[in-house]
Amino acid sequence: MGRLKRETDLQILPSEAREHRLMLGEMTDSEVVQASLDGDARAFGELVRRYDKRLLNFVYRTIGDRDRGQDLVQETFVRVYRHLHRFDQTKKFSTWIYTIASNLAKNELRNRSRNPLVLFQTLKKNWDADNRPLEWEDTQYKPDDLFRKRHLRAKVEQAVKQLPEHHRVVFVLREMEGKTYEEIADITGCNLGTVKSRLNRARNKFAHIIAPMIE
């Protein structure tokens, strides 16, 4: 559907603009960044098209509020536009833009934590030691698979919301965004050992939270 819409949008553009957008679409992120820095007015729009939905999914899953997530994604692009000239092009653009979005999301959660009315609710139910936690390697319970099942999507998102902030960020980046450990370390500013430790705890916590919801 997204591809069809993109092709339809291209069809109604003037020929020159359509060809230019197609050209931008074939460029790497680094090339598009350079084109924008060189004064190509349409190049930044290409970056927005590439990352808008991806960032919204990431921020929404981190803070649990889609409307506020859209605001933060917009702010992310504003900051990227203002500071694009400072971007180190020896690095991955995706890591840089995710870092900005991640920092905004974490700031949002910190601001919320000052107000008890918007604190995330923690589960009160004790985990029965006789019940085994979910096996993460079982594809039945991987977040990507759960999200494909509409009736479980809300439960997965609810469980993710209840992870502590520093666990939730690495969990979303790894299990939902597919980032490597190295990319997560760059985005969060943590070393690899900390990333792996937080991810392991996040997985265990997620398993404990989601289990009663899908019994």
Foldseek 3Di string as FASTA:
>chain_A
DVVVVVVVVLVPDPPVVSVVLVVLVPDDLLVLLVVVVVPDPCSLVNVCVVCVVVQLVLLCLQQVDNVVSNVLSVVLSVVCVVCSVVDDSVDHPVLVSLLSSLVSSVVVLVVQVVPVVRDQDADPDDDDPVDDFDDQVPVCPQLVNLCVPPVRPVLLSSLLNNDPNVLSNLQCCCRPVPDDLVSSCSSVVHDSVVSVVSPVVSVRSSRRRSVVVVD
